């Protein structure tokens, strides 16, 4: 197994991790920004006001994009298992 193959597998792993984390992180970012903007406008500094909507939004994002995330992971795993013979043969 040459270093280029290792780097390619590592790059693919990082890309799939970023793709899978993006819906949840972007949802949390948008909801957190909206809630903090609302808190700064109304001057209500309650911790649960920022946590509960973010938790609900992240749960909804996982519910909506969960099937896509699982199918992406399954296809990535299948592609990695299909690469095993070529990596062992050195070709």
PDB file of N, CA and C in Angstrom:
ATOM      1  N   UNK A   1       0.847  -1.159   0.000  1.00  0.00           N
ATOM      2  CA  UNK A   1       0.000   0.000   0.000  1.00  0.00           C
ATOM      3  C   UNK A   1       0.903   1.234   0.000  1.00  0.00           C
ATOM      4  N   UNK A   2       0.760   2.041  -1.020  1.00  0.00           N
ATOM      5  CA  UNK A   2       1.617   3.216  -1.146  1.00  0.00           C
ATOM      6  C   UNK A   2       1.045   4.408  -0.372  1.00  0.00           C
ATOM      7  N   UNK A   3       1.866   5.402  -0.107  1.00  0.00           N
ATOM      8  CA  UNK A   3       1.409   6.568   0.662  1.00  0.00           C
ATOM      9  C   UNK A   3       0.278   7.338  -0.018  1.00  0.00           C
ATOM     10  N   UNK A   4       0.241   7.339  -1.342  1.00  0.00           N
ATOM     11  CA  UNK A   4      -0.825   8.044  -2.043  1.00  0.00           C
ATOM     12  C   UNK A   4      -2.185   7.407  -1.773  1.00  0.00           C
ATOM     13  N   UNK A   5      -2.221   6.095  -1.675  1.00  0.00           N
ATOM     14  CA  UNK A   5      -3.484   5.412  -1.376  1.00  0.00           C
ATOM     15  C   UNK A   5      -3.948   5.741   0.038  1.00  0.00           C
ATOM     16  N   UNK A   6      -3.004   5.802   0.959  1.00  0.00           N
ATOM     17  CA  UNK A   6      -3.352   6.142   2.343  1.00  0.00           C
ATOM     18  C   UNK A   6      -3.886   7.570   2.415  1.00  0.00           C
ATOM     19  N   UNK A   7      -3.220   8.480   1.718  1.00  0.00           N
ATOM     20  CA  UNK A   7      -3.679   9.866   1.700  1.00  0.00           C
ATOM     21  C   UNK A   7      -5.047   9.992   1.035  1.00  0.00           C
ATOM     22  N   UNK A   8      -5.271   9.229  -0.017  1.00  0.00           N
ATOM     23  CA  UNK A   8      -6.566   9.265  -0.697  1.00  0.00           C
ATOM     24  C   UNK A   8      -7.689   8.763   0.209  1.00  0.00           C
ATOM     25  N   UNK A   9      -7.436   7.677   0.916  1.00  0.00           N
ATOM     26  CA  UNK A   9      -8.438   7.141   1.842  1.00  0.00           C
ATOM     27  C   UNK A   9      -8.682   8.124   2.988  1.00  0.00           C
ATOM     28  N   UNK A  10      -7.634   8.723   3.496  1.00  0.00           N
ATOM     29  CA  UNK A  10      -7.787   9.717   4.560  1.00  0.00           C
ATOM     30  C   UNK A  10      -8.572  10.934   4.102  1.00  0.00           C
ATOM     31  N   UNK A  11      -8.296  11.391   2.882  1.00  0.00           N
ATOM     32  CA  UNK A  11      -9.023  12.528   2.325  1.00  0.00           C
ATOM     33  C   UNK A  11     -10.497  12.203   2.130  1.00  0.00           C
ATOM     34  N   UNK A  12     -10.776  11.019   1.619  1.00  0.00           N
ATOM     35  CA  UNK A  12     -12.168  10.611   1.441  1.00  0.00           C
ATOM     36  C   UNK A  12     -12.883  10.505   2.787  1.00  0.00           C
ATOM     37  N   UNK A  13     -12.189  10.012   3.797  1.00  0.00           N
ATOM     38  CA  UNK A  13     -12.777   9.922   5.136  1.00  0.00           C
ATOM     39  C   UNK A  13     -13.092  11.290   5.719  1.00  0.00           C
ATOM     40  N   UNK A  14     -12.178  12.247   5.540  1.00  0.00           N
ATOM     41  CA  UNK A  14     -12.426  13.598   6.035  1.00  0.00           C
ATOM     42  C   UNK A  14     -13.562  14.276   5.281  1.00  0.00           C
ATOM     43  N   UNK A  15     -13.634  14.046   3.976  1.00  0.00           N
ATOM     44  CA  UNK A  15     -14.717  14.647   3.186  1.00  0.00           C
ATOM     45  C   UNK A  15     -16.075  14.082   3.572  1.00  0.00           C
ATOM     46  N   UNK A  16     -16.154  12.780   3.783  1.00  0.00           N
ATOM     47  CA  UNK A  16     -17.437  12.192   4.167  1.00  0.00           C
ATOM     48  C   UNK A  16     -17.820  12.654   5.573  1.00  0.00           C
ATOM     49  N   UNK A  17     -16.851  12.823   6.458  1.00  0.00           N
ATOM     50  CA  UNK A  17     -17.147  13.327   7.804  1.00  0.00           C
ATOM     51  C   UNK A  17     -17.676  14.753   7.742  1.00  0.00           C
ATOM     52  N   UNK A  18     -17.099  15.574   6.887  1.00  0.00           N
ATOM     53  CA  UNK A  18     -17.573  16.950   6.738  1.00  0.00           C
ATOM     54  C   UNK A  18     -18.967  16.991   6.129  1.00  0.00           C
ATOM     55  N   UNK A  19     -19.214  16.125   5.133  1.00  0.00           N
ATOM     56  CA  UNK A  19     -20.540  16.089   4.517  1.00  0.00           C
ATOM     57  C   UNK A  19     -21.608  15.643   5.501  1.00  0.00           C
ATOM     58  N   UNK A  20     -21.279  14.691   6.358  1.00  0.00           N
ATOM     59  CA  UNK A  20     -22.255  14.185   7.312  1.00  0.00           C
ATOM     60  C   UNK A  20     -22.485  15.148   8.475  1.00  0.00           C
ATOM     61  N   UNK A  21     -21.466  15.899   8.842  1.00  0.00           N
ATOM     62  CA  UNK A  21     -21.608  16.825   9.959  1.00  0.00           C
ATOM     63  C   UNK A  21     -22.262  18.138   9.545  1.00  0.00           C
ATOM     64  N   UNK A  22     -22.211  18.475   8.269  1.00  0.00           N
ATOM     65  CA  UNK A  22     -22.684  19.778   7.804  1.00  0.00           C
ATOM     66  C   UNK A  22     -24.152  20.069   8.124  1.00  0.00           C
ATOM     67  N   UNK A  23     -25.110  19.175   7.860  1.00  0.00           N
ATOM     68  CA  UNK A  23     -26.502  19.546   8.150  1.00  0.00           C
ATOM     69  C   UNK A  23     -26.760  19.854   9.625  1.00  0.00           C
ATOM     70  N   UNK A  24     -26.163  19.077  10.502  1.00  0.00           N
ATOM     71  CA  UNK A  24     -26.380  19.284  11.933  1.00  0.00           C
ATOM     72  C   UNK A  24     -25.684  20.563  12.397  1.00  0.00           C
ATOM     73  N   UNK A  25     -24.445  20.765  11.963  1.00  0.00           N
ATOM     74  CA  UNK A  25     -23.701  21.940  12.401  1.00  0.00           C
ATOM     75  C   UNK A  25     -24.291  23.232  11.857  1.00  0.00           C
ATOM     76  N   UNK A  26     -24.697  23.223  10.600  1.00  0.00           N
ATOM     77  CA  UNK A  26     -25.281  24.424  10.013  1.00  0.00           C
ATOM     78  C   UNK A  26     -26.614  24.750  10.674  1.00  0.00           C
ATOM     79  N   UNK A  27     -27.411  23.721  10.969  1.00  0.00           N
ATOM     80  CA  UNK A  27     -28.675  23.948  11.664  1.00  0.00           C
ATOM     81  C   UNK A  27     -28.439  24.553  13.042  1.00  0.00           C
ATOM     82  N   UNK A  28     -27.500  23.995  13.786  1.00  0.00           N
ATOM     83  CA  UNK A  28     -27.191  24.525  15.116  1.00  0.00           C
ATOM     84  C   UNK A  28     -26.653  25.953  15.022  1.00  0.00           C
ATOM     85  N   UNK A  29     -25.866  26.229  14.005  1.00  0.00           N
ATOM     86  CA  UNK A  29     -25.314  27.571  13.831  1.00  0.00           C
ATOM     87  C   UNK A  29     -26.415  28.589  13.547  1.00  0.00           C
ATOM     88  N   UNK A  30     -27.306  28.261  12.627  1.00  0.00           N
ATOM     89  CA  UNK A  30     -28.367  29.193  12.251  1.00  0.00           C
ATOM     90  C   UNK A  30     -29.326  29.427  13.418  1.00  0.00           C
ATOM     91  N   UNK A  31     -29.746  28.366  14.070  1.00  0.00           N
ATOM     92  CA  UNK A  31     -30.681  28.509  15.200  1.00  0.00           C
ATOM     93  C   UNK A  31     -30.000  29.236  16.357  1.00  0.00           C
ATOM     94  N   UNK A  32     -28.760  28.916  16.639  1.00  0.00           N
ATOM     95  CA  UNK A  32     -28.033  29.597  17.707  1.00  0.00           C
ATOM     96  C   UNK A  32     -27.867  31.078  17.430  1.00  0.00           C
ATOM     97  N   UNK A  33     -27.580  31.417  16.174  1.00  0.00           N
ATOM     98  CA  UNK A  33     -27.451  32.832  15.815  1.00  0.00           C
ATOM     99  C   UNK A  33     -28.783  33.554  15.952  1.00  0.00           C
ATOM    100  N   UNK A  34     -29.859  32.922  15.484  1.00  0.00           N
ATOM    101  CA  UNK A  34     -31.181  33.547  15.579  1.00  0.00           C
ATOM    102  C   UNK A  34     -31.597  33.751  17.037  1.00  0.00           C
ATOM    103  N   UNK A  35     -31.351  32.763  17.873  1.00  0.00           N
ATOM    104  CA  UNK A  35     -31.722  32.877  19.286  1.00  0.00           C
ATOM    105  C   UNK A  35     -30.863  33.924  19.981  1.00  0.00           C
ATOM    106  N   UNK A  36     -29.576  33.971  19.682  1.00  0.00           N
ATOM    107  CA  UNK A  36     -28.723  34.980  20.320  1.00  0.00           C
ATOM    108  C   UNK A  36     -29.092  36.385  19.853  1.00  0.00           C
ATOM    109  N   UNK A  37     -29.502  36.511  18.608  1.00  0.00           N
ATOM    110  CA  UNK A  37     -29.971  37.806  18.116  1.00  0.00           C
ATOM    111  C   UNK A  37     -31.253  38.219  18.844  1.00  0.00           C
ATOM    112  N   UNK A  38     -32.163  37.274  19.019  1.00  0.00           N
ATOM    113  CA  UNK A  38     -33.390  37.538  19.756  1.00  0.00           C
ATOM    114  C   UNK A  38     -33.092  37.900  21.214  1.00  0.00           C
ATOM    115  N   UNK A  39     -32.133  37.198  21.816  1.00  0.00           N
ATOM    116  CA  UNK A  39     -31.765  37.499  23.200  1.00  0.00           C
ATOM    117  C   UNK A  39     -31.135  38.878  23.332  1.00  0.00           C
ATOM    118  N   UNK A  40     -30.326  39.250  22.350  1.00  0.00           N
ATOM    119  CA  UNK A  40     -29.693  40.569  22.445  1.00  0.00           C
ATOM    120  C   UNK A  40     -30.704  41.686  22.200  1.00  0.00           C
ATOM    121  N   UNK A  41     -31.714  41.435  21.389  1.00  0.00           N
ATOM    122  CA  UNK A  41     -32.745  42.450  21.142  1.00  0.00           C
ATOM    123  C   UNK A  41     -33.626  42.624  22.379  1.00  0.00           C
ATOM    124  N   UNK A  42     -34.037  41.499  22.965  1.00  0.00           N
ATOM    125  CA  UNK A  42     -34.958  41.564  24.107  1.00  0.00           C
ATOM    126  C   UNK A  42     -34.239  41.626  25.448  1.00  0.00           C
ATOM    127  N   UNK A  43     -32.952  41.449  25.483  1.00  0.00           N
ATOM    128  CA  UNK A  43     -32.127  41.439  26.689  1.00  0.00           C
ATOM    129  C   UNK A  43     -32.562  40.368  27.688  1.00  0.00           C
ATOM    130  N   UNK A  44     -33.050  39.254  27.180  1.00  0.00           N
ATOM    131  CA  UNK A  44     -33.383  38.097  28.014  1.00  0.00           C
ATOM    132  C   UNK A  44     -32.179  37.157  27.957  1.00  0.00           C
ATOM    133  N   UNK A  45     -31.534  36.946  29.076  1.00  0.00           N
ATOM    134  CA  UNK A  45     -30.336  36.111  29.113  1.00  0.00           C
ATOM    135  C   UNK A  45     -30.625  34.817  29.867  1.00  0.00           C
ATOM    136  N   UNK A  46     -31.444  33.993  29.294  1.00  0.00           N
ATOM    137  CA  UNK A  46     -31.796  32.709  29.886  1.00  0.00           C
ATOM    138  C   UNK A  46     -31.075  31.601  29.117  1.00  0.00           C
ATOM    139  N   UNK A  47     -30.394  30.712  29.835  1.00  0.00           N
ATOM    140  CA  UNK A  47     -29.593  29.667  29.206  1.00  0.00           C
ATOM    141  C   UNK A  47     -30.474  28.675  28.466  1.00  0.00           C
ATOM    142  N   UNK A  48     -31.591  28.307  29.070  1.00  0.00           N
ATOM    143  CA  UNK A  48     -32.459  27.311  28.429  1.00  0.00           C
ATOM    144  C   UNK A  48     -33.098  27.852  27.157  1.00  0.00           C
ATOM    145  N   UNK A  49     -33.204  29.176  27.054  1.00  0.00           N
ATOM    146  CA  UNK A  49     -33.774  29.763  25.843  1.00  0.00           C
ATOM    147  C   UNK A  49     -32.879  29.514  24.635  1.00  0.00           C
ATOM    148  N   UNK A  50     -31.592  29.361  24.845  1.00  0.00           N
ATOM    149  CA  UNK A  50     -30.696  29.079  23.721  1.00  0.00           C
ATOM    150  C   UNK A  50     -30.494  27.582  23.516  1.00  0.00           C
ATOM    151  N   UNK A  51     -30.592  26.797  24.587  1.00  0.00           N
ATOM    152  CA  UNK A  51     -30.297  25.371  24.474  1.00  0.00           C
ATOM    153  C   UNK A  51     -31.454  24.566  23.897  1.00  0.00           C
ATOM    154  N   UNK A  52     -32.645  24.784  24.386  1.00  0.00           N
ATOM    155  CA  UNK A  52     -33.794  23.969  23.996  1.00  0.00           C
ATOM    156  C   UNK A  52     -34.124  24.099  22.504  1.00  0.00           C
ATOM    157  N   UNK A  53     -34.217  25.317  21.942  1.00  0.00           N
ATOM    158  CA  UNK A  53     -34.495  25.387  20.500  1.00  0.00           C
ATOM    159  C   UNK A  53     -33.391  24.766  19.641  1.00  0.00           C
ATOM    160  N   UNK A  54     -32.138  24.921  20.096  1.00  0.00           N
ATOM    161  CA  UNK A  54     -31.035  24.303  19.348  1.00  0.00           C
ATOM    162  C   UNK A  54     -31.123  22.791  19.383  1.00  0.00           C
ATOM    163  N   UNK A  55     -31.448  22.239  20.529  1.00  0.00           N
ATOM    164  CA  UNK A  55     -31.574  20.783  20.646  1.00  0.00           C
ATOM    165  C   UNK A  55     -32.723  20.267  19.791  1.00  0.00           C
ATOM    166  N   UNK A  56     -33.833  20.981  19.781  1.00  0.00           N
ATOM    167  CA  UNK A  56     -34.975  20.571  18.951  1.00  0.00           C
ATOM    168  C   UNK A  56     -34.631  20.675  17.468  1.00  0.00           C
ATOM    169  N   UNK A  57     -33.958  21.757  17.075  1.00  0.00           N
ATOM    170  CA  UNK A  57     -33.591  21.933  15.671  1.00  0.00           C
ATOM    171  C   UNK A  57     -32.598  20.872  15.206  1.00  0.00           C
ATOM    172  N   UNK A  58     -31.642  20.534  16.056  1.00  0.00           N
ATOM    173  CA  UNK A  58     -30.667  19.490  15.700  1.00  0.00           C
ATOM    174  C   UNK A  58     -31.362  18.137  15.585  1.00  0.00           C
ATOM    175  N   UNK A  59     -32.296  17.868  16.484  1.00  0.00           N
ATOM    176  CA  UNK A  59     -33.048  16.609  16.395  1.00  0.00           C
ATOM    177  C   UNK A  59     -33.854  16.551  15.104  1.00  0.00           C
ATOM    178  N   UNK A  60     -34.470  17.658  14.721  1.00  0.00           N
ATOM    179  CA  UNK A  60     -35.215  17.697  13.453  1.00  0.00           C
ATOM    180  C   UNK A  60     -34.284  17.543  12.246  1.00  0.00           C
ATOM    181  N   UNK A  61     -33.096  18.153  12.329  1.00  0.00           N
ATOM    182  CA  UNK A  61     -32.132  18.009  11.228  1.00  0.00           C
ATOM    183  C   UNK A  61     -31.682  16.562  11.091  1.00  0.00           C
ATOM    184  N   UNK A  62     -31.475  15.886  12.216  1.00  0.00           N
ATOM    185  CA  UNK A  62     -31.109  14.473  12.165  1.00  0.00           C
ATOM    186  C   UNK A  62     -32.258  13.625  11.633  1.00  0.00           C
ATOM    187  N   UNK A  63     -33.466  13.984  12.005  1.00  0.00           N
ATOM    188  CA  UNK A  63     -34.632  13.251  11.522  1.00  0.00           C
ATOM    189  C   UNK A  63     -34.796  13.405  10.017  1.00  0.00           C
ATOM    190  N   UNK A  64     -34.596  14.617   9.521  1.00  0.00           N
ATOM    191  CA  UNK A  64     -34.764  14.879   8.097  1.00  0.00           C
ATOM    192  C   UNK A  64     -33.621  14.299   7.267  1.00  0.00           C
ATOM    193  N   UNK A  65     -32.385  14.478   7.725  1.00  0.00           N
ATOM    194  CA  UNK A  65     -31.235  14.061   6.921  1.00  0.00           C
ATOM    195  C   UNK A  65     -30.637  12.725   7.353  1.00  0.00           C
ATOM    196  N   UNK A  66     -31.268  12.040   8.286  1.00  0.00           N
ATOM    197  CA  UNK A  66     -30.716  10.782   8.785  1.00  0.00           C
ATOM    198  C   UNK A  66     -30.612   9.698   7.736  1.00  0.00           C
ATOM    199  N   UNK A  67     -31.655   9.564   6.908  1.00  0.00           N
ATOM    200  CA  UNK A  67     -31.627   8.534   5.863  1.00  0.00           C
ATOM    201  C   UNK A  67     -30.499   8.811   4.870  1.00  0.00           C
ATOM    202  N   UNK A  68     -30.330  10.060   4.494  1.00  0.00           N
ATOM    203  CA  UNK A  68     -29.252  10.425   3.574  1.00  0.00           C
ATOM    204  C   UNK A  68     -27.887  10.144   4.202  1.00  0.00           C
ATOM    205  N   UNK A  69     -27.736  10.449   5.495  1.00  0.00           N
ATOM    206  CA  UNK A  69     -26.465  10.209   6.176  1.00  0.00           C
ATOM    207  C   UNK A  69     -26.124   8.725   6.206  1.00  0.00           C
ATOM    208  N   UNK A  70     -27.110   7.902   6.501  1.00  0.00           N
ATOM    209  CA  UNK A  70     -26.868   6.460   6.550  1.00  0.00           C
ATOM    210  C   UNK A  70     -26.505   5.926   5.173  1.00  0.00           C
ATOM    211  N   UNK A  71     -27.211   6.378   4.138  1.00  0.00           N
ATOM    212  CA  UNK A  71     -26.899   5.891   2.790  1.00  0.00           C
ATOM    213  C   UNK A  71     -25.516   6.352   2.340  1.00  0.00           C
ATOM    214  N   UNK A  72     -25.106   7.552   2.725  1.00  0.00           N
ATOM    215  CA  UNK A  72     -23.752   8.019   2.395  1.00  0.00           C
ATOM    216  C   UNK A  72     -22.692   7.165   3.100  1.00  0.00           C
ATOM    217  N   UNK A  73     -22.923   6.847   4.355  1.00  0.00           N
ATOM    218  CA  UNK A  73     -21.962   6.023   5.088  1.00  0.00           C
ATOM    219  C   UNK A  73     -21.902   4.608   4.532  1.00  0.00           C
ATOM    220  N   UNK A  74     -23.050   4.056   4.154  1.00  0.00           N
ATOM    221  CA  UNK A  74     -23.067   2.706   3.583  1.00  0.00           C
ATOM    222  C   UNK A  74     -22.316   2.685   2.260  1.00  0.00           C
ATOM    223  N   UNK A  75     -22.541   3.685   1.407  1.00  0.00           N
ATOM    224  CA  UNK A  75     -21.834   3.698   0.117  1.00  0.00           C
ATOM    225  C   UNK A  75     -20.338   3.926   0.311  1.00  0.00           C
ATOM    226  N   UNK A  76     -19.961   4.761   1.281  1.00  0.00           N
ATOM    227  CA  UNK A  76     -18.538   4.965   1.567  1.00  0.00           C
ATOM    228  C   UNK A  76     -17.900   3.681   2.076  1.00  0.00           C
ATOM    229  N   UNK A  77     -18.590   2.978   2.975  1.00  0.00           N
ATOM    230  CA  UNK A  77     -18.059   1.734   3.516  1.00  0.00           C
ATOM    231  C   UNK A  77     -17.936   0.670   2.435  1.00  0.00           C
ATOM    232  N   UNK A  78     -18.928   0.581   1.564  1.00  0.00           N
ATOM    233  CA  UNK A  78     -18.854  -0.372   0.455  1.00  0.00           C
ATOM    234  C   UNK A  78     -17.697  -0.047  -0.474  1.00  0.00           C
ATOM    235  N   UNK A  79     -17.483   1.234  -0.751  1.00  0.00           N
ATOM    236  CA  UNK A  79     -16.368   1.627  -1.613  1.00  0.00           C
ATOM    237  C   UNK A  79     -15.027   1.272  -0.969  1.00  0.00           C
ATOM    238  N   UNK A  80     -14.932   1.439   0.336  1.00  0.00           N
ATOM    239  CA  UNK A  80     -13.691   1.086   1.028  1.00  0.00           C
ATOM    240  C   UNK A  80     -13.450  -0.421   1.010  1.00  0.00           C
ATOM    241  N   UNK A  81     -14.517  -1.208   1.207  1.00  0.00           N
ATOM    242  CA  UNK A  81     -14.354  -2.666   1.150  1.00  0.00           C
ATOM    243  C   UNK A  81     -14.016  -3.134  -0.262  1.00  0.00           C
ATOM    244  N   UNK A  82     -14.538  -2.446  -1.280  1.00  0.00           N
ATOM    245  CA  UNK A  82     -14.204  -2.818  -2.656  1.00  0.00           C
ATOM    246  C   UNK A  82     -12.757  -2.489  -2.999  1.00  0.00           C
ATOM    247  N   UNK A  83     -12.161  -1.526  -2.303  1.00  0.00           N
ATOM    248  CA  UNK A  83     -10.763  -1.152  -2.553  1.00  0.00           C
ATOM    249  C   UNK A  83      -9.760  -2.097  -1.914  1.00  0.00           C
ATOM    250  N   UNK A  84     -10.197  -2.925  -0.970  1.00  0.00           N
ATOM    251  CA  UNK A  84      -9.266  -3.768  -0.214  1.00  0.00           C
ATOM    252  C   UNK A  84      -8.429  -4.679  -1.127  1.00  0.00           C
ATOM    253  N   UNK A  85      -9.010  -5.398  -2.104  1.00  0.00           N
ATOM    254  CA  UNK A  85      -8.152  -6.263  -2.929  1.00  0.00           C
ATOM    255  C   UNK A  85      -7.098  -5.497  -3.727  1.00  0.00           C
ATOM    256  N   UNK A  86      -7.474  -4.354  -4.263  1.00  0.00           N
ATOM    257  CA  UNK A  86      -6.480  -3.590  -5.029  1.00  0.00           C
ATOM    258  C   UNK A  86      -5.394  -3.019  -4.128  1.00  0.00           C
ATOM    259  N   UNK A  87      -5.724  -2.699  -2.903  1.00  0.00           N
ATOM    260  CA  UNK A  87      -4.723  -2.177  -1.980  1.00  0.00           C
ATOM    261  C   UNK A  87      -3.771  -3.291  -1.523  1.00  0.00           C
ATOM    262  N   UNK A  88      -4.293  -4.485  -1.344  1.00  0.00           N
ATOM    263  CA  UNK A  88      -3.432  -5.587  -0.925  1.00  0.00           C
ATOM    264  C   UNK A  88      -2.533  -6.070  -2.037  1.00  0.00           C
ATOM    265  N   UNK A  89      -3.010  -6.017  -3.280  1.00  0.00           N
ATOM    266  CA  UNK A  89      -2.206  -6.442  -4.424  1.00  0.00           C
ATOM    267  C   UNK A  89      -1.172  -5.392  -4.822  1.00  0.00           C
ATOM    268  N   UNK A  90      -1.338  -4.178  -4.315  1.00  0.00           N
ATOM    269  CA  UNK A  90      -0.394  -3.119  -4.649  1.00  0.00           C
ATOM    270  C   UNK A  90      -0.677  -2.494  -5.990  1.00  0.00           C
ATOM    271  N   UNK A  91      -1.872  -2.672  -6.511  1.00  0.00           N
ATOM    272  CA  UNK A  91      -2.179  -2.109  -7.834  1.00  0.00           C
ATOM    273  C   UNK A  91      -3.221  -1.128  -7.845  1.00  0.00           C
TER     274      UNK A  91
END
